[in-house]
């Protein structure tokens, strides 16, 4: 029974619903709407679903006068008060009760599947809310009965706070030369200076020690290149080939003391 002083809320209203007299169920198998006289309903009217507290009420009323035909109190869903049929989603079986407590089972059906869907969802949402309220009340009761945490200071108890005396953080050490990725210096020895721009096309061939003759430069005969042997010491170098091979003048015999032979 709903407690006194609780207000009644309307969950859903459907203007067209049909009521059928159903035969008693002989076994535990589900109800079938095909066993009813669907073409000749026993009563037609409107359905109004209300809630008072945790209990929902399915009320069948007259369309014009609003007179109550029957009502089915629902304390849980799905349950015995509302059952579905096995062969359709538009028909249900309700357990109605009168004021004296007598009950009977009747069949109800909707002409539209959308109305049947709204009927089903209205009951599901209500009992989902009932379940949440029960869980909240249980958690509140457990919180009140449990031991309370005392965070107050005991008599004579003190605390000390060190403000502005945090630990000094070590500064990050700079990475060494190995971390930068620089290459090590070359081994001992002199680095030869780069050649001058005027001698960019010169081929300099040093002469090996212990030989009194100079190096030979052999050019292809098809390009009209001549081979000249130097009579100077091993410190002489070869090389000015900046002029084209076809315009090379014959070597002079008087310039034997020069360091370069020009072609």
C-alpha atoms as a PDB file:
ATOM      1  CA  UNK A   1       0.000   0.000   0.000  1.00  0.00           C
ATOM      2  CA  UNK A   2       1.149   3.521  -0.783  1.00  0.00           C
ATOM      3  CA  UNK A   3       1.884   5.731   2.157  1.00  0.00           C
ATOM      4  CA  UNK A   4      -0.544   8.504   3.056  1.00  0.00           C
ATOM      5  CA  UNK A   5       0.371  11.955   1.749  1.00  0.00           C
ATOM      6  CA  UNK A   6       2.175  10.714  -1.396  1.00  0.00           C
ATOM      7  CA  UNK A   7       1.068  12.403  -4.571  1.00  0.00           C
ATOM      8  CA  UNK A   8      -0.098  10.545  -7.653  1.00  0.00           C
ATOM      9  CA  UNK A   9       1.717  11.154 -10.951  1.00  0.00           C
ATOM     10  CA  UNK A  10       0.610  10.235 -14.474  1.00  0.00           C
ATOM     11  CA  UNK A  11       3.109   8.143 -16.412  1.00  0.00           C
ATOM     12  CA  UNK A  12       1.264   7.461 -19.663  1.00  0.00           C
ATOM     13  CA  UNK A  13      -2.184   7.855 -21.270  1.00  0.00           C
ATOM     14  CA  UNK A  14      -3.424   5.901 -24.290  1.00  0.00           C
ATOM     15  CA  UNK A  15      -6.877   6.785 -25.698  1.00  0.00           C
ATOM     16  CA  UNK A  16      -7.635   3.457 -27.418  1.00  0.00           C
ATOM     17  CA  UNK A  17      -7.273   0.055 -25.816  1.00  0.00           C
ATOM     18  CA  UNK A  18      -9.274  -3.167 -26.173  1.00  0.00           C
ATOM     19  CA  UNK A  19     -10.035  -5.669 -23.402  1.00  0.00           C
ATOM     20  CA  UNK A  20     -10.506  -9.378 -24.030  1.00  0.00           C
ATOM     21  CA  UNK A  21     -11.771 -12.231 -21.890  1.00  0.00           C
ATOM     22  CA  UNK A  22      -9.112 -14.912 -21.974  1.00  0.00           C
ATOM     23  CA  UNK A  23      -9.468 -18.638 -21.243  1.00  0.00           C
ATOM     24  CA  UNK A  24      -7.726 -20.008 -18.166  1.00  0.00           C
ATOM     25  CA  UNK A  25      -4.170 -21.172 -18.733  1.00  0.00           C
ATOM     26  CA  UNK A  26      -3.955 -24.966 -18.527  1.00  0.00           C
ATOM     27  CA  UNK A  27      -0.133 -25.193 -18.357  1.00  0.00           C
ATOM     28  CA  UNK A  28       2.907 -23.045 -17.672  1.00  0.00           C
ATOM     29  CA  UNK A  29       3.328 -22.088 -21.310  1.00  0.00           C
ATOM     30  CA  UNK A  30       3.005 -18.416 -22.251  1.00  0.00           C
ATOM     31  CA  UNK A  31      -0.232 -16.805 -23.318  1.00  0.00           C
ATOM     32  CA  UNK A  32      -1.070 -16.567 -27.030  1.00  0.00           C
ATOM     33  CA  UNK A  33      -3.171 -13.735 -28.444  1.00  0.00           C
ATOM     34  CA  UNK A  34      -4.350 -16.014 -31.242  1.00  0.00           C
ATOM     35  CA  UNK A  35      -6.475 -17.905 -28.687  1.00  0.00           C
ATOM     36  CA  UNK A  36      -8.514 -14.774 -27.987  1.00  0.00           C
ATOM     37  CA  UNK A  37     -11.387 -13.376 -30.033  1.00  0.00           C
ATOM     38  CA  UNK A  38      -9.402 -10.444 -31.404  1.00  0.00           C
ATOM     39  CA  UNK A  39     -12.116  -9.365 -33.862  1.00  0.00           C
ATOM     40  CA  UNK A  40     -14.695  -9.013 -31.046  1.00  0.00           C
ATOM     41  CA  UNK A  41     -13.246  -7.246 -27.956  1.00  0.00           C
ATOM     42  CA  UNK A  42     -15.325  -7.370 -24.762  1.00  0.00           C
ATOM     43  CA  UNK A  43     -14.662  -3.745 -23.839  1.00  0.00           C
ATOM     44  CA  UNK A  44     -12.972  -0.660 -25.370  1.00  0.00           C
ATOM     45  CA  UNK A  45     -11.826   2.488 -23.640  1.00  0.00           C
ATOM     46  CA  UNK A  46      -8.698   4.377 -22.616  1.00  0.00           C
ATOM     47  CA  UNK A  47      -5.729   3.408 -20.459  1.00  0.00           C
ATOM     48  CA  UNK A  48      -4.103   5.661 -17.879  1.00  0.00           C
ATOM     49  CA  UNK A  49      -0.927   4.626 -16.029  1.00  0.00           C
ATOM     50  CA  UNK A  50      -0.285   6.400 -12.738  1.00  0.00           C
ATOM     51  CA  UNK A  51       2.251   6.043  -9.948  1.00  0.00           C
ATOM     52  CA  UNK A  52       1.882   6.646  -6.232  1.00  0.00           C
ATOM     53  CA  UNK A  53       5.047   6.021  -4.337  1.00  0.00           C
ATOM     54  CA  UNK A  54       6.706   2.862  -5.586  1.00  0.00           C
ATOM     55  CA  UNK A  55       3.512   1.256  -6.930  1.00  0.00           C
ATOM     56  CA  UNK A  56       2.224   1.816 -10.478  1.00  0.00           C
ATOM     57  CA  UNK A  57      -1.480   1.534 -11.351  1.00  0.00           C
ATOM     58  CA  UNK A  58      -2.856   0.596 -14.761  1.00  0.00           C
ATOM     59  CA  UNK A  59      -6.357   2.040 -14.932  1.00  0.00           C
ATOM     60  CA  UNK A  60      -8.938   1.224 -17.621  1.00  0.00           C
ATOM     61  CA  UNK A  61     -11.444   4.072 -17.887  1.00  0.00           C
ATOM     62  CA  UNK A  62     -14.388   5.078 -20.038  1.00  0.00           C
ATOM     63  CA  UNK A  63     -13.428   7.443 -22.865  1.00  0.00           C
ATOM     64  CA  UNK A  64     -16.265   9.902 -22.241  1.00  0.00           C
ATOM     65  CA  UNK A  65     -17.112   9.860 -18.555  1.00  0.00           C
ATOM     66  CA  UNK A  66     -13.762   8.664 -17.175  1.00  0.00           C
ATOM     67  CA  UNK A  67     -15.498   6.055 -15.030  1.00  0.00           C
ATOM     68  CA  UNK A  68     -13.120   3.390 -13.786  1.00  0.00           C
ATOM     69  CA  UNK A  69     -13.690  -0.008 -15.365  1.00  0.00           C
ATOM     70  CA  UNK A  70     -10.788  -1.921 -13.753  1.00  0.00           C
ATOM     71  CA  UNK A  71      -7.294  -1.315 -12.428  1.00  0.00           C
ATOM     72  CA  UNK A  72      -4.188  -3.427 -11.981  1.00  0.00           C
ATOM     73  CA  UNK A  73      -1.672  -2.466  -9.276  1.00  0.00           C
ATOM     74  CA  UNK A  74       1.904  -3.229 -10.373  1.00  0.00           C
ATOM     75  CA  UNK A  75       4.618  -3.585  -7.727  1.00  0.00           C
ATOM     76  CA  UNK A  76       7.320  -4.957 -10.030  1.00  0.00           C
ATOM     77  CA  UNK A  77       7.895  -5.200 -13.758  1.00  0.00           C
ATOM     78  CA  UNK A  78       8.200  -7.622 -15.406  1.00  0.00           C
ATOM     79  CA  UNK A  79       6.158  -9.704 -13.032  1.00  0.00           C
ATOM     80  CA  UNK A  80       2.855 -11.434 -12.455  1.00  0.00           C
ATOM     81  CA  UNK A  81       0.782  -8.246 -12.732  1.00  0.00           C
ATOM     82  CA  UNK A  82       1.811  -7.631 -16.375  1.00  0.00           C
ATOM     83  CA  UNK A  83       2.792 -10.429 -18.764  1.00  0.00           C
ATOM     84  CA  UNK A  84       3.516 -10.422 -22.475  1.00  0.00           C
ATOM     85  CA  UNK A  85       2.158 -12.898 -25.025  1.00  0.00           C
ATOM     86  CA  UNK A  86       4.338 -15.149 -27.125  1.00  0.00           C
ATOM     87  CA  UNK A  87       2.941 -14.334 -30.571  1.00  0.00           C
ATOM     88  CA  UNK A  88       2.597 -10.521 -30.605  1.00  0.00           C
ATOM     89  CA  UNK A  89       4.089  -7.346 -29.142  1.00  0.00           C
ATOM     90  CA  UNK A  90       0.764  -5.439 -29.073  1.00  0.00           C
ATOM     91  CA  UNK A  91      -1.039  -7.637 -26.537  1.00  0.00           C
ATOM     92  CA  UNK A  92      -0.540  -8.105 -22.788  1.00  0.00           C
ATOM     93  CA  UNK A  93      -2.149  -9.962 -19.886  1.00  0.00           C
ATOM     94  CA  UNK A  94      -3.090  -7.893 -16.799  1.00  0.00           C
ATOM     95  CA  UNK A  95      -4.021  -9.056 -13.318  1.00  0.00           C
ATOM     96  CA  UNK A  96      -6.760  -6.715 -12.150  1.00  0.00           C
ATOM     97  CA  UNK A  97      -7.922  -6.340  -8.542  1.00  0.00           C
ATOM     98  CA  UNK A  98     -10.926  -4.787  -6.879  1.00  0.00           C
ATOM     99  CA  UNK A  99     -11.144  -3.063  -3.507  1.00  0.00           C
ATOM    100  CA  UNK A 100     -11.931  -6.329  -1.720  1.00  0.00           C
ATOM    101  CA  UNK A 101      -8.711  -7.966  -3.033  1.00  0.00           C
ATOM    102  CA  UNK A 102     -10.246 -10.302  -5.595  1.00  0.00           C
ATOM    103  CA  UNK A 103      -8.202 -10.650  -8.779  1.00  0.00           C
ATOM    104  CA  UNK A 104      -8.740 -11.819 -12.337  1.00  0.00           C
ATOM    105  CA  UNK A 105      -6.696 -11.993 -15.545  1.00  0.00           C
ATOM    106  CA  UNK A 106      -7.774 -10.155 -18.671  1.00  0.00           C
ATOM    107  CA  UNK A 107      -6.156  -9.504 -22.026  1.00  0.00           C
ATOM    108  CA  UNK A 108      -5.496  -5.979 -23.366  1.00  0.00           C
ATOM    109  CA  UNK A 109      -4.359  -4.974 -26.811  1.00  0.00           C
ATOM    110  CA  UNK A 110      -3.367  -1.841 -28.724  1.00  0.00           C
ATOM    111  CA  UNK A 111      -4.147  -1.084 -32.336  1.00  0.00           C
ATOM    112  CA  UNK A 112      -0.770   0.574 -32.884  1.00  0.00           C
ATOM    113  CA  UNK A 113       2.650  -0.885 -32.062  1.00  0.00           C
ATOM    114  CA  UNK A 114       3.834   2.571 -30.981  1.00  0.00           C
ATOM    115  CA  UNK A 115       1.222   2.638 -28.206  1.00  0.00           C
ATOM    116  CA  UNK A 116       2.363  -0.778 -27.000  1.00  0.00           C
ATOM    117  CA  UNK A 117       5.971   0.452 -26.995  1.00  0.00           C
ATOM    118  CA  UNK A 118       5.072   3.536 -24.918  1.00  0.00           C
ATOM    119  CA  UNK A 119       3.176   1.350 -22.435  1.00  0.00           C
ATOM    120  CA  UNK A 120       6.193  -0.902 -22.001  1.00  0.00           C
ATOM    121  CA  UNK A 121       8.699   1.963 -21.639  1.00  0.00           C
ATOM    122  CA  UNK A 122       6.565   3.835 -19.079  1.00  0.00           C
ATOM    123  CA  UNK A 123       6.587   0.846 -16.740  1.00  0.00           C
ATOM    124  CA  UNK A 124      10.309   0.210 -17.241  1.00  0.00           C
ATOM    125  CA  UNK A 125      11.272   3.818 -16.465  1.00  0.00           C
ATOM    126  CA  UNK A 126       9.169   3.894 -13.304  1.00  0.00           C
ATOM    127  CA  UNK A 127      10.671   0.761 -11.797  1.00  0.00           C
ATOM    128  CA  UNK A 128      14.158   1.846 -12.805  1.00  0.00           C
ATOM    129  CA  UNK A 129      13.584   4.958 -10.705  1.00  0.00           C
ATOM    130  CA  UNK A 130      12.296   2.787  -7.841  1.00  0.00           C
ATOM    131  CA  UNK A 131      15.481   0.703  -7.944  1.00  0.00           C
ATOM    132  CA  UNK A 132      17.705   3.791  -7.843  1.00  0.00           C
ATOM    133  CA  UNK A 133      15.814   5.233  -4.901  1.00  0.00           C
ATOM    134  CA  UNK A 134      16.198   1.967  -2.996  1.00  0.00           C
ATOM    135  CA  UNK A 135      19.952   1.936  -3.570  1.00  0.00           C
ATOM    136  CA  UNK A 136      20.310   5.548  -2.420  1.00  0.00           C
ATOM    137  CA  UNK A 137      18.346   4.905   0.767  1.00  0.00           C
ATOM    138  CA  UNK A 138      20.441   1.828   1.551  1.00  0.00           C
ATOM    139  CA  UNK A 139      23.697   3.729   1.071  1.00  0.00           C
ATOM    140  CA  UNK A 140      22.461   6.508   3.373  1.00  0.00           C
ATOM    141  CA  UNK A 141      21.555   4.010   6.070  1.00  0.00           C
ATOM    142  CA  UNK A 142      24.947   2.346   5.864  1.00  0.00           C
ATOM    143  CA  UNK A 143      26.650   5.718   6.052  1.00  0.00           C
ATOM    144  CA  UNK A 144      24.763   6.742   9.189  1.00  0.00           C
ATOM    145  CA  UNK A 145      25.281   3.435  11.010  1.00  0.00           C
ATOM    146  CA  UNK A 146      29.000   3.124  10.179  1.00  0.00           C
ATOM    147  CA  UNK A 147      31.789   4.518  12.382  1.00  0.00           C
ATOM    148  CA  UNK A 148      32.490   8.200  11.884  1.00  0.00           C
ATOM    149  CA  UNK A 149      36.007   9.377  11.166  1.00  0.00           C
ATOM    150  CA  UNK A 150      37.290  11.793  13.792  1.00  0.00           C
ATOM    151  CA  UNK A 151      39.688  14.277  12.228  1.00  0.00           C
ATOM    152  CA  UNK A 152      39.873  16.669  15.190  1.00  0.00           C
ATOM    153  CA  UNK A 153      43.009  17.346  17.245  1.00  0.00           C
ATOM    154  CA  UNK A 154      43.394  15.575  20.516  1.00  0.00           C
ATOM    155  CA  UNK A 155      44.128  17.563  23.660  1.00  0.00           C
ATOM    156  CA  UNK A 156      47.715  18.801  23.615  1.00  0.00           C
ATOM    157  CA  UNK A 157      48.374  17.623  20.065  1.00  0.00           C
ATOM    158  CA  UNK A 158      50.263  20.049  17.804  1.00  0.00           C
ATOM    159  CA  UNK A 159      51.650  20.023  14.310  1.00  0.00           C
ATOM    160  CA  UNK A 160      54.614  21.805  12.719  1.00  0.00           C
ATOM    161  CA  UNK A 161      54.600  23.317   9.251  1.00  0.00           C
ATOM    162  CA  UNK A 162      57.803  24.119   7.362  1.00  0.00           C
ATOM    163  CA  UNK A 163      56.970  26.867   4.891  1.00  0.00           C
ATOM    164  CA  UNK A 164      59.540  27.976   2.322  1.00  0.00           C
ATOM    165  CA  UNK A 165      62.133  25.365   3.296  1.00  0.00           C
ATOM    166  CA  UNK A 166      61.720  22.958   0.504  1.00  0.00           C
ATOM    167  CA  UNK A 167      64.502  20.739  -0.702  1.00  0.00           C
ATOM    168  CA  UNK A 168      66.921  22.300  -3.135  1.00  0.00           C
ATOM    169  CA  UNK A 169      66.816  20.734  -6.492  1.00  0.00           C
ATOM    170  CA  UNK A 170      70.094  19.844  -8.147  1.00  0.00           C
ATOM    171  CA  UNK A 171      70.748  21.894 -11.221  1.00  0.00           C
ATOM    172  CA  UNK A 172      71.149  19.844 -14.366  1.00  0.00           C
ATOM    173  CA  UNK A 173      74.748  19.474 -15.357  1.00  0.00           C
ATOM    174  CA  UNK A 174      75.714  20.709 -18.833  1.00  0.00           C
ATOM    175  CA  UNK A 175      76.512  17.971 -21.223  1.00  0.00           C
ATOM    176  CA  UNK A 176      80.087  17.485 -22.267  1.00  0.00           C
ATOM    177  CA  UNK A 177      81.544  17.592 -25.725  1.00  0.00           C
ATOM    178  CA  UNK A 178      80.576  13.993 -26.251  1.00  0.00           C
ATOM    179  CA  UNK A 179      76.932  14.852 -25.733  1.00  0.00           C
ATOM    180  CA  UNK A 180      77.035  17.696 -28.286  1.00  0.00           C
ATOM    181  CA  UNK A 181      78.069  15.349 -31.058  1.00  0.00           C
ATOM    182  CA  UNK A 182      81.348  17.046 -32.172  1.00  0.00           C
ATOM    183  CA  UNK A 183      83.997  15.001 -33.907  1.00  0.00           C
ATOM    184  CA  UNK A 184      87.420  14.565 -32.203  1.00  0.00           C
ATOM    185  CA  UNK A 185      90.391  16.471 -33.655  1.00  0.00           C
ATOM    186  CA  UNK A 186      92.419  14.721 -36.371  1.00  0.00           C
ATOM    187  CA  UNK A 187      95.681  12.943 -35.470  1.00  0.00           C
ATOM    188  CA  UNK A 188      99.059  14.708 -35.547  1.00  0.00           C
ATOM    189  CA  UNK A 189     100.144  16.138 -38.867  1.00  0.00           C
ATOM    190  CA  UNK A 190      99.788  19.238 -40.918  1.00  0.00           C
ATOM    191  CA  UNK A 191      96.628  19.986 -42.855  1.00  0.00           C
ATOM    192  CA  UNK A 192      97.388  20.978 -46.426  1.00  0.00           C
ATOM    193  CA  UNK A 193      95.987  24.378 -47.419  1.00  0.00           C
ATOM    194  CA  UNK A 194      93.298  24.399 -50.111  1.00  0.00           C
ATOM    195  CA  UNK A 195      94.540  25.006 -53.684  1.00  0.00           C
ATOM    196  CA  UNK A 196      94.315  28.525 -55.081  1.00  0.00           C
ATOM    197  CA  UNK A 197      91.562  29.444 -57.518  1.00  0.00           C
ATOM    198  CA  UNK A 198      94.016  30.063 -60.345  1.00  0.00           C
ATOM    199  CA  UNK A 199      95.237  26.467 -60.226  1.00  0.00           C
ATOM    200  CA  UNK A 200      91.801  24.784 -59.992  1.00  0.00           C
ATOM    201  CA  UNK A 201      92.422  22.781 -63.174  1.00  0.00           C
ATOM    202  CA  UNK A 202      96.042  21.789 -62.327  1.00  0.00           C
ATOM    203  CA  UNK A 203      96.908  18.178 -61.656  1.00  0.00           C
ATOM    204  CA  UNK A 204      99.818  18.050 -59.226  1.00  0.00           C
ATOM    205  CA  UNK A 205     101.581  14.717 -58.975  1.00  0.00           C
ATOM    206  CA  UNK A 206     104.353  14.482 -56.366  1.00  0.00           C
ATOM    207  CA  UNK A 207     107.479  12.521 -57.335  1.00  0.00           C
ATOM    208  CA  UNK A 208     108.495   9.602 -55.222  1.00  0.00           C
ATOM    209  CA  UNK A 209     111.748   9.779 -53.281  1.00  0.00           C
ATOM    210  CA  UNK A 210     114.845   8.103 -54.615  1.00  0.00           C
ATOM    211  CA  UNK A 211     114.099   8.660 -58.260  1.00  0.00           C
ATOM    212  CA  UNK A 212     115.937  11.256 -60.322  1.00  0.00           C
ATOM    213  CA  UNK A 213     113.422  11.327 -63.116  1.00  0.00           C
ATOM    214  CA  UNK A 214     110.116  13.200 -62.924  1.00  0.00           C
ATOM    215  CA  UNK A 215     106.644  11.847 -63.233  1.00  0.00           C
ATOM    216  CA  UNK A 216     105.124  11.181 -66.570  1.00  0.00           C
ATOM    217  CA  UNK A 217     101.720  12.274 -67.640  1.00  0.00           C
ATOM    218  CA  UNK A 218     100.438  10.145 -70.404  1.00  0.00           C
ATOM    219  CA  UNK A 219      97.522  11.542 -72.356  1.00  0.00           C
ATOM    220  CA  UNK A 220      95.476   9.893 -75.015  1.00  0.00           C
ATOM    221  CA  UNK A 221      97.043  10.285 -78.454  1.00  0.00           C
ATOM    222  CA  UNK A 222      93.612  10.852 -79.990  1.00  0.00           C
ATOM    223  CA  UNK A 223      93.412  14.195 -78.140  1.00  0.00           C
ATOM    224  CA  UNK A 224      96.870  15.265 -79.477  1.00  0.00           C
ATOM    225  CA  UNK A 225      98.440  15.322 -76.000  1.00  0.00           C
ATOM    226  CA  UNK A 226     102.204  15.011 -75.662  1.00  0.00           C
ATOM    227  CA  UNK A 227     104.161  13.271 -72.962  1.00  0.00           C
ATOM    228  CA  UNK A 228     107.021  15.309 -71.465  1.00  0.00           C
ATOM    229  CA  UNK A 229     109.609  13.971 -69.069  1.00  0.00           C
ATOM    230  CA  UNK A 230     111.138  16.399 -66.606  1.00  0.00           C
ATOM    231  CA  UNK A 231     114.868  16.495 -66.020  1.00  0.00           C
ATOM    232  CA  UNK A 232     114.633  18.410 -62.794  1.00  0.00           C
ATOM    233  CA  UNK A 233     114.866  17.151 -59.250  1.00  0.00           C
ATOM    234  CA  UNK A 234     112.229  15.242 -57.308  1.00  0.00           C
ATOM    235  CA  UNK A 235     110.776  18.474 -55.907  1.00  0.00           C
ATOM    236  CA  UNK A 236     109.442  19.568 -59.308  1.00  0.00           C
ATOM    237  CA  UNK A 237     105.741  19.268 -59.967  1.00  0.00           C
ATOM    238  CA  UNK A 238     103.678  18.864 -63.059  1.00  0.00           C
ATOM    239  CA  UNK A 239     100.690  20.379 -64.170  1.00  0.00           C
ATOM    240  CA  UNK A 240      99.019  23.265 -66.095  1.00  0.00           C
ATOM    241  CA  UNK A 241      96.380  21.759 -68.327  1.00  0.00           C
ATOM    242  CA  UNK A 242      94.072  24.707 -68.450  1.00  0.00           C
ATOM    243  CA  UNK A 243      94.731  25.250 -72.166  1.00  0.00           C
ATOM    244  CA  UNK A 244      93.059  22.867 -74.651  1.00  0.00           C
ATOM    245  CA  UNK A 245      95.163  19.979 -75.890  1.00  0.00           C
ATOM    246  CA  UNK A 246      94.970  21.030 -79.567  1.00  0.00           C
ATOM    247  CA  UNK A 247      96.675  24.387 -78.843  1.00  0.00           C
ATOM    248  CA  UNK A 248      99.694  23.018 -76.938  1.00  0.00           C
ATOM    249  CA  UNK A 249     102.947  24.505 -78.348  1.00  0.00           C
ATOM    250  CA  UNK A 250     106.042  22.322 -78.632  1.00  0.00           C
ATOM    251  CA  UNK A 251     108.164  22.292 -75.493  1.00  0.00           C
ATOM    252  CA  UNK A 252     111.158  24.607 -75.351  1.00  0.00           C
ATOM    253  CA  UNK A 253     114.559  23.145 -74.627  1.00  0.00           C
ATOM    254  CA  UNK A 254     115.938  26.392 -73.208  1.00  0.00           C
ATOM    255  CA  UNK A 255     113.527  26.474 -70.245  1.00  0.00           C
ATOM    256  CA  UNK A 256     114.946  23.468 -68.470  1.00  0.00           C
ATOM    257  CA  UNK A 257     115.379  25.234 -65.154  1.00  0.00           C
ATOM    258  CA  UNK A 258     111.723  26.156 -64.662  1.00  0.00           C
ATOM    259  CA  UNK A 259     109.529  24.428 -62.154  1.00  0.00           C
ATOM    260  CA  UNK A 260     106.503  24.031 -64.443  1.00  0.00           C
ATOM    261  CA  UNK A 261     106.151  22.910 -68.018  1.00  0.00           C
ATOM    262  CA  UNK A 262     103.408  24.722 -69.854  1.00  0.00           C
ATOM    263  CA  UNK A 263     101.508  23.075 -72.621  1.00  0.00           C
END
